[in-house]
């Protein structure tokens, strides 16, 4: 997804050496929290600005299609899979420390501070929980990816130690001149991912907590 190709390259080097909301029904809350209200808050990242490609996943894909058709196909496939698994709302927030770093779809390099936030709401918490393990691989956080991160000297936290719930993983890694902080978790009917480049780990952790606290 987006600049996740950077992390994929980092893992390779290491090996060698988510809007509009409808009314709830059934087991859903009567007033559902929107994906945008969870992921879209510029105060989470002081000193950074929201990029114009931010928006629902569909809007994000439209912006990406014109600039990087190949990456667009991959990201569209991801979104189609999420919808098939029960996703019914999404928001992608992209933040950068300089406007020139926006719109950098599919780049294999991250310049400056960049943060991508993916929030995906599912029809219910059971669907979100069931999809969590499957979707981990799309953020390069499968079991084998986590082992590669550890082997490269990165830090991996899972479950309660992340402070983001039982279904959660958070990693930090510095390699090839770029630092990464990634958190992916499920809370209620939401899956959320933060992918931060060259951002202090403490800042990434603080933003993750703020975002998680907005899920109701």
C-alpha atoms as a PDB file:
ATOM      1  CA  UNK A   1       0.000   0.000   0.000  1.00  0.00           C
ATOM      2  CA  UNK A   2       1.391   3.356  -1.008  1.00  0.00           C
ATOM      3  CA  UNK A   3       4.980   3.733   0.276  1.00  0.00           C
ATOM      4  CA  UNK A   4       4.938   0.279   1.869  1.00  0.00           C
ATOM      5  CA  UNK A   5       7.298  -0.721  -0.929  1.00  0.00           C
ATOM      6  CA  UNK A   6       9.953   1.085   1.131  1.00  0.00           C
ATOM      7  CA  UNK A   7       9.423  -1.297   4.016  1.00  0.00           C
ATOM      8  CA  UNK A   8       9.393  -4.291   1.689  1.00  0.00           C
ATOM      9  CA  UNK A   9      12.825  -3.255   0.414  1.00  0.00           C
ATOM     10  CA  UNK A  10      14.033  -2.775   3.986  1.00  0.00           C
ATOM     11  CA  UNK A  11      12.880  -6.274   4.908  1.00  0.00           C
ATOM     12  CA  UNK A  12      14.704  -7.673   1.896  1.00  0.00           C
ATOM     13  CA  UNK A  13      17.886  -5.930   3.014  1.00  0.00           C
ATOM     14  CA  UNK A  14      17.407  -7.311   6.514  1.00  0.00           C
ATOM     15  CA  UNK A  15      16.974 -10.836   5.214  1.00  0.00           C
ATOM     16  CA  UNK A  16      20.265 -10.503   3.378  1.00  0.00           C
ATOM     17  CA  UNK A  17      22.242  -9.280   6.267  1.00  0.00           C
ATOM     18  CA  UNK A  18      -9.225   2.313   6.051  1.00  0.00           C
ATOM     19  CA  UNK A  19     -16.475   9.055   4.377  1.00  0.00           C
ATOM     20  CA  UNK A  20     -19.980   8.442   4.809  1.00  0.00           C
ATOM     21  CA  UNK A  21     -21.687   6.393   7.497  1.00  0.00           C
ATOM     22  CA  UNK A  22     -25.106   4.840   7.445  1.00  0.00           C
ATOM     23  CA  UNK A  23     -27.354   4.271  10.400  1.00  0.00           C
ATOM     24  CA  UNK A  24     -26.591   1.172  12.444  1.00  0.00           C
ATOM     25  CA  UNK A  25     -28.740  -1.917  12.623  1.00  0.00           C
ATOM     26  CA  UNK A  26     -28.683  -5.265  14.373  1.00  0.00           C
ATOM     27  CA  UNK A  27     -25.561  -5.563  16.505  1.00  0.00           C
ATOM     28  CA  UNK A  28     -24.064  -2.326  15.146  1.00  0.00           C
ATOM     29  CA  UNK A  29     -24.121   0.868  17.204  1.00  0.00           C
ATOM     30  CA  UNK A  30     -27.071   3.122  16.462  1.00  0.00           C
ATOM     31  CA  UNK A  31     -24.692   5.968  15.666  1.00  0.00           C
ATOM     32  CA  UNK A  32     -21.586   4.655  13.979  1.00  0.00           C
ATOM     33  CA  UNK A  33     -18.258   6.392  14.232  1.00  0.00           C
ATOM     34  CA  UNK A  34     -16.993   7.330  10.776  1.00  0.00           C
ATOM     35  CA  UNK A  35     -13.566   6.340   9.499  1.00  0.00           C
ATOM     36  CA  UNK A  36     -12.836  10.009   8.784  1.00  0.00           C
ATOM     37  CA  UNK A  37     -13.504  11.058  12.373  1.00  0.00           C
ATOM     38  CA  UNK A  38     -11.025   8.406  13.513  1.00  0.00           C
ATOM     39  CA  UNK A  39      -8.181   9.078  11.051  1.00  0.00           C
ATOM     40  CA  UNK A  40      -8.507  12.745  10.095  1.00  0.00           C
ATOM     41  CA  UNK A  41      -7.043  15.048  12.721  1.00  0.00           C
ATOM     42  CA  UNK A  42      -4.012  17.119  11.796  1.00  0.00           C
ATOM     43  CA  UNK A  43      -3.280  17.838  15.466  1.00  0.00           C
ATOM     44  CA  UNK A  44      -2.080  14.219  15.743  1.00  0.00           C
ATOM     45  CA  UNK A  45       1.065  15.235  13.859  1.00  0.00           C
ATOM     46  CA  UNK A  46       2.285  18.708  14.917  1.00  0.00           C
ATOM     47  CA  UNK A  47       4.340  20.507  12.301  1.00  0.00           C
ATOM     48  CA  UNK A  48       2.946  18.372   9.477  1.00  0.00           C
ATOM     49  CA  UNK A  49       0.249  19.149   6.918  1.00  0.00           C
ATOM     50  CA  UNK A  50      -2.461  16.987   5.444  1.00  0.00           C
ATOM     51  CA  UNK A  51      -1.835  16.092   1.812  1.00  0.00           C
ATOM     52  CA  UNK A  52      -4.513  16.608  -0.877  1.00  0.00           C
ATOM     53  CA  UNK A  53      -4.753  12.890  -1.680  1.00  0.00           C
ATOM     54  CA  UNK A  54      -6.281  12.306   1.755  1.00  0.00           C
ATOM     55  CA  UNK A  55      -9.885  11.148   1.736  1.00  0.00           C
ATOM     56  CA  UNK A  56     -11.994   8.024   1.418  1.00  0.00           C
ATOM     57  CA  UNK A  57     -10.144   5.035  -0.001  1.00  0.00           C
ATOM     58  CA  UNK A  58     -12.000   5.503  -3.307  1.00  0.00           C
ATOM     59  CA  UNK A  59     -10.921   9.150  -3.524  1.00  0.00           C
ATOM     60  CA  UNK A  60      -7.368   8.211  -2.600  1.00  0.00           C
ATOM     61  CA  UNK A  61      -7.359   5.617  -5.382  1.00  0.00           C
ATOM     62  CA  UNK A  62      -8.522   8.208  -7.916  1.00  0.00           C
ATOM     63  CA  UNK A  63      -5.580  10.430  -7.015  1.00  0.00           C
ATOM     64  CA  UNK A  64      -3.207   7.479  -7.170  1.00  0.00           C
ATOM     65  CA  UNK A  65      -4.459   6.091 -10.482  1.00  0.00           C
ATOM     66  CA  UNK A  66      -3.298   9.105 -12.469  1.00  0.00           C
ATOM     67  CA  UNK A  67       0.177   9.094 -10.961  1.00  0.00           C
ATOM     68  CA  UNK A  68       0.992   5.429 -10.433  1.00  0.00           C
ATOM     69  CA  UNK A  69      -1.349   3.019 -12.287  1.00  0.00           C
ATOM     70  CA  UNK A  70       0.595  -0.065 -11.176  1.00  0.00           C
ATOM     71  CA  UNK A  71       0.403   0.747  -7.473  1.00  0.00           C
ATOM     72  CA  UNK A  72      -3.223   1.744  -8.000  1.00  0.00           C
ATOM     73  CA  UNK A  73      -4.103  -1.775  -9.142  1.00  0.00           C
ATOM     74  CA  UNK A  74      -2.530  -3.275  -6.035  1.00  0.00           C
ATOM     75  CA  UNK A  75      -4.246  -0.844  -3.675  1.00  0.00           C
ATOM     76  CA  UNK A  76      -7.596  -1.259  -5.429  1.00  0.00           C
ATOM     77  CA  UNK A  77      -7.305  -5.015  -4.984  1.00  0.00           C
ATOM     78  CA  UNK A  78      -6.632  -4.488  -1.271  1.00  0.00           C
ATOM     79  CA  UNK A  79      -9.724  -2.298  -0.922  1.00  0.00           C
ATOM     80  CA  UNK A  80     -11.890  -4.765  -2.854  1.00  0.00           C
ATOM     81  CA  UNK A  81     -10.739  -7.541  -0.509  1.00  0.00           C
ATOM     82  CA  UNK A  82     -11.550  -5.446   2.541  1.00  0.00           C
ATOM     83  CA  UNK A  83     -15.044  -4.686   1.247  1.00  0.00           C
ATOM     84  CA  UNK A  84     -15.604  -8.382   0.594  1.00  0.00           C
ATOM     85  CA  UNK A  85     -14.611  -9.023   4.218  1.00  0.00           C
ATOM     86  CA  UNK A  86     -17.231  -6.557   5.500  1.00  0.00           C
ATOM     87  CA  UNK A  87     -15.617  -3.111   5.285  1.00  0.00           C
ATOM     88  CA  UNK A  88     -18.190  -0.365   4.737  1.00  0.00           C
ATOM     89  CA  UNK A  89     -16.296   2.888   5.347  1.00  0.00           C
ATOM     90  CA  UNK A  90     -12.718   4.089   5.005  1.00  0.00           C
ATOM     91  CA  UNK A  91     -10.402   7.039   5.247  1.00  0.00           C
ATOM     92  CA  UNK A  92      -6.772   7.470   4.252  1.00  0.00           C
ATOM     93  CA  UNK A  93      -4.969  10.399   5.857  1.00  0.00           C
ATOM     94  CA  UNK A  94      -1.592  11.383   4.439  1.00  0.00           C
ATOM     95  CA  UNK A  95       0.572  13.873   6.324  1.00  0.00           C
ATOM     96  CA  UNK A  96       3.947  15.369   5.383  1.00  0.00           C
ATOM     97  CA  UNK A  97       6.364  17.918   6.768  1.00  0.00           C
ATOM     98  CA  UNK A  98       6.528  19.615   3.346  1.00  0.00           C
ATOM     99  CA  UNK A  99       3.993  19.808   0.520  1.00  0.00           C
ATOM    100  CA  UNK A 100       6.620  18.556  -1.928  1.00  0.00           C
ATOM    101  CA  UNK A 101       6.508  15.194  -0.149  1.00  0.00           C
ATOM    102  CA  UNK A 102       2.798  14.724  -0.890  1.00  0.00           C
ATOM    103  CA  UNK A 103       1.513  12.624  -3.764  1.00  0.00           C
ATOM    104  CA  UNK A 104       4.480  10.293  -3.559  1.00  0.00           C
ATOM    105  CA  UNK A 105       2.542   7.153  -4.467  1.00  0.00           C
ATOM    106  CA  UNK A 106       4.505   3.931  -4.686  1.00  0.00           C
ATOM    107  CA  UNK A 107       7.860   5.609  -4.165  1.00  0.00           C
ATOM    108  CA  UNK A 108      10.791   3.462  -3.113  1.00  0.00           C
ATOM    109  CA  UNK A 109      12.231   6.375  -1.125  1.00  0.00           C
ATOM    110  CA  UNK A 110      10.834   8.429   1.734  1.00  0.00           C
ATOM    111  CA  UNK A 111      12.130  11.999   1.977  1.00  0.00           C
ATOM    112  CA  UNK A 112      11.436  13.920   5.160  1.00  0.00           C
ATOM    113  CA  UNK A 113       8.669  13.033   7.581  1.00  0.00           C
ATOM    114  CA  UNK A 114       5.665  11.307   6.065  1.00  0.00           C
ATOM    115  CA  UNK A 115       2.778   9.551   7.812  1.00  0.00           C
ATOM    116  CA  UNK A 116       0.003   7.466   6.261  1.00  0.00           C
ATOM    117  CA  UNK A 117      -3.058   6.642   8.367  1.00  0.00           C
ATOM    118  CA  UNK A 118      -5.519   4.023   7.157  1.00  0.00           C
ATOM    119  CA  UNK A 119      -8.831   3.620   8.990  1.00  0.00           C
ATOM    120  CA  UNK A 120     -11.294   0.972   7.844  1.00  0.00           C
ATOM    121  CA  UNK A 121     -14.684   0.420   9.467  1.00  0.00           C
ATOM    122  CA  UNK A 122     -16.307  -2.987   9.155  1.00  0.00           C
ATOM    123  CA  UNK A 123     -19.962  -3.901   9.456  1.00  0.00           C
ATOM    124  CA  UNK A 124     -19.291  -5.271  12.954  1.00  0.00           C
ATOM    125  CA  UNK A 125     -16.458  -6.041  15.357  1.00  0.00           C
ATOM    126  CA  UNK A 126     -16.510  -9.752  14.504  1.00  0.00           C
ATOM    127  CA  UNK A 127     -15.724  -9.007  10.859  1.00  0.00           C
ATOM    128  CA  UNK A 128     -12.924  -6.633  11.827  1.00  0.00           C
ATOM    129  CA  UNK A 129     -11.411  -9.129  14.248  1.00  0.00           C
ATOM    130  CA  UNK A 130     -11.613 -11.993  11.747  1.00  0.00           C
ATOM    131  CA  UNK A 131      -9.866  -9.881   9.102  1.00  0.00           C
ATOM    132  CA  UNK A 132      -7.074  -8.620  11.348  1.00  0.00           C
ATOM    133  CA  UNK A 133      -4.664 -11.519  10.882  1.00  0.00           C
ATOM    134  CA  UNK A 134      -5.341 -11.735   7.141  1.00  0.00           C
ATOM    135  CA  UNK A 135      -4.773  -8.030   6.617  1.00  0.00           C
ATOM    136  CA  UNK A 136      -1.495  -7.959   8.566  1.00  0.00           C
ATOM    137  CA  UNK A 137       0.396  -9.219   5.520  1.00  0.00           C
ATOM    138  CA  UNK A 138      -0.802  -6.231   3.470  1.00  0.00           C
ATOM    139  CA  UNK A 139       1.095  -3.961   5.851  1.00  0.00           C
ATOM    140  CA  UNK A 140       4.182  -6.227   5.760  1.00  0.00           C
ATOM    141  CA  UNK A 141       3.451  -7.388   9.296  1.00  0.00           C
ATOM    142  CA  UNK A 142       3.036 -11.114   8.762  1.00  0.00           C
ATOM    143  CA  UNK A 143       4.813 -13.471  11.152  1.00  0.00           C
ATOM    144  CA  UNK A 144       7.729 -13.828   8.730  1.00  0.00           C
ATOM    145  CA  UNK A 145       7.945 -10.039   8.284  1.00  0.00           C
ATOM    146  CA  UNK A 146       8.054  -9.549  12.057  1.00  0.00           C
ATOM    147  CA  UNK A 147      10.857 -12.072  12.345  1.00  0.00           C
ATOM    148  CA  UNK A 148      12.820 -10.198   9.658  1.00  0.00           C
ATOM    149  CA  UNK A 149      12.321  -6.930  11.523  1.00  0.00           C
ATOM    150  CA  UNK A 150      13.621  -8.498  14.734  1.00  0.00           C
ATOM    151  CA  UNK A 151      16.604  -9.983  12.883  1.00  0.00           C
ATOM    152  CA  UNK A 152      17.430  -6.524  11.529  1.00  0.00           C
ATOM    153  CA  UNK A 153      17.500  -5.084  15.041  1.00  0.00           C
ATOM    154  CA  UNK A 154      14.008  -3.638  14.978  1.00  0.00           C
ATOM    155  CA  UNK A 155      11.596  -3.622  17.912  1.00  0.00           C
ATOM    156  CA  UNK A 156       8.337  -5.556  17.765  1.00  0.00           C
ATOM    157  CA  UNK A 157       5.466  -5.304  20.256  1.00  0.00           C
ATOM    158  CA  UNK A 158       2.284  -7.343  19.990  1.00  0.00           C
ATOM    159  CA  UNK A 159      -0.963  -7.474  21.923  1.00  0.00           C
ATOM    160  CA  UNK A 160      -1.336  -5.703  25.254  1.00  0.00           C
ATOM    161  CA  UNK A 161       2.236  -4.383  25.225  1.00  0.00           C
ATOM    162  CA  UNK A 162       1.348  -1.985  22.395  1.00  0.00           C
ATOM    163  CA  UNK A 163      -1.360  -0.270  24.446  1.00  0.00           C
ATOM    164  CA  UNK A 164      -3.699  -0.704  21.470  1.00  0.00           C
ATOM    165  CA  UNK A 165      -5.534  -3.886  22.426  1.00  0.00           C
ATOM    166  CA  UNK A 166      -5.118  -7.628  21.993  1.00  0.00           C
ATOM    167  CA  UNK A 167      -5.275  -7.519  18.196  1.00  0.00           C
ATOM    168  CA  UNK A 168      -2.368  -5.172  17.608  1.00  0.00           C
ATOM    169  CA  UNK A 169       1.234  -4.985  16.509  1.00  0.00           C
ATOM    170  CA  UNK A 170       3.696  -2.087  16.553  1.00  0.00           C
ATOM    171  CA  UNK A 171       7.189  -2.066  15.113  1.00  0.00           C
ATOM    172  CA  UNK A 172      10.061   0.365  14.793  1.00  0.00           C
ATOM    173  CA  UNK A 173      13.090  -0.049  12.576  1.00  0.00           C
ATOM    174  CA  UNK A 174      15.889   2.074  11.170  1.00  0.00           C
ATOM    175  CA  UNK A 175      17.595   0.807   8.045  1.00  0.00           C
ATOM    176  CA  UNK A 176      19.137   2.161   4.855  1.00  0.00           C
ATOM    177  CA  UNK A 177      18.927   5.744   6.130  1.00  0.00           C
ATOM    178  CA  UNK A 178      15.182   5.662   6.831  1.00  0.00           C
ATOM    179  CA  UNK A 179      13.388   5.046  10.119  1.00  0.00           C
ATOM    180  CA  UNK A 180       9.974   3.431  10.316  1.00  0.00           C
ATOM    181  CA  UNK A 181       7.249   3.291  12.926  1.00  0.00           C
ATOM    182  CA  UNK A 182       4.276   1.110  12.040  1.00  0.00           C
ATOM    183  CA  UNK A 183       1.255   0.250  14.158  1.00  0.00           C
ATOM    184  CA  UNK A 184      -1.673  -1.887  13.036  1.00  0.00           C
ATOM    185  CA  UNK A 185      -4.590  -2.773  15.269  1.00  0.00           C
ATOM    186  CA  UNK A 186      -8.247  -3.720  15.526  1.00  0.00           C
ATOM    187  CA  UNK A 187     -10.610  -2.023  17.968  1.00  0.00           C
ATOM    188  CA  UNK A 188     -14.354  -2.613  17.900  1.00  0.00           C
ATOM    189  CA  UNK A 189     -15.425  -2.509  14.249  1.00  0.00           C
ATOM    190  CA  UNK A 190     -12.264  -0.712  13.074  1.00  0.00           C
ATOM    191  CA  UNK A 191      -8.889  -1.675  11.703  1.00  0.00           C
ATOM    192  CA  UNK A 192      -6.324   1.114  11.759  1.00  0.00           C
ATOM    193  CA  UNK A 193      -2.763   1.352  10.490  1.00  0.00           C
ATOM    194  CA  UNK A 194      -0.171   4.080  10.927  1.00  0.00           C
ATOM    195  CA  UNK A 195       2.919   3.994   8.730  1.00  0.00           C
ATOM    196  CA  UNK A 196       5.386   6.711   9.688  1.00  0.00           C
ATOM    197  CA  UNK A 197       8.699   7.531   8.043  1.00  0.00           C
ATOM    198  CA  UNK A 198      11.425   9.461   9.860  1.00  0.00           C
ATOM    199  CA  UNK A 199       9.063  10.262  12.745  1.00  0.00           C
ATOM    200  CA  UNK A 200      10.166   9.812  16.341  1.00  0.00           C
ATOM    201  CA  UNK A 201       8.802   6.578  17.759  1.00  0.00           C
ATOM    202  CA  UNK A 202       7.349   8.429  20.757  1.00  0.00           C
ATOM    203  CA  UNK A 203       5.424  10.726  18.382  1.00  0.00           C
ATOM    204  CA  UNK A 204       4.078   7.748  16.471  1.00  0.00           C
ATOM    205  CA  UNK A 205       2.996   6.060  19.679  1.00  0.00           C
ATOM    206  CA  UNK A 206       1.285   9.226  20.925  1.00  0.00           C
ATOM    207  CA  UNK A 207      -0.608   9.627  17.633  1.00  0.00           C
ATOM    208  CA  UNK A 208      -1.673   5.976  17.696  1.00  0.00           C
ATOM    209  CA  UNK A 209      -3.171   6.426  21.168  1.00  0.00           C
ATOM    210  CA  UNK A 210      -5.063   9.566  20.119  1.00  0.00           C
ATOM    211  CA  UNK A 211      -6.499   7.807  17.084  1.00  0.00           C
ATOM    212  CA  UNK A 212      -7.436   4.715  19.080  1.00  0.00           C
ATOM    213  CA  UNK A 213      -9.181   6.849  21.709  1.00  0.00           C
ATOM    214  CA  UNK A 214     -11.483   8.268  19.001  1.00  0.00           C
ATOM    215  CA  UNK A 215     -12.945   4.842  18.233  1.00  0.00           C
ATOM    216  CA  UNK A 216     -16.346   4.439  19.899  1.00  0.00           C
END
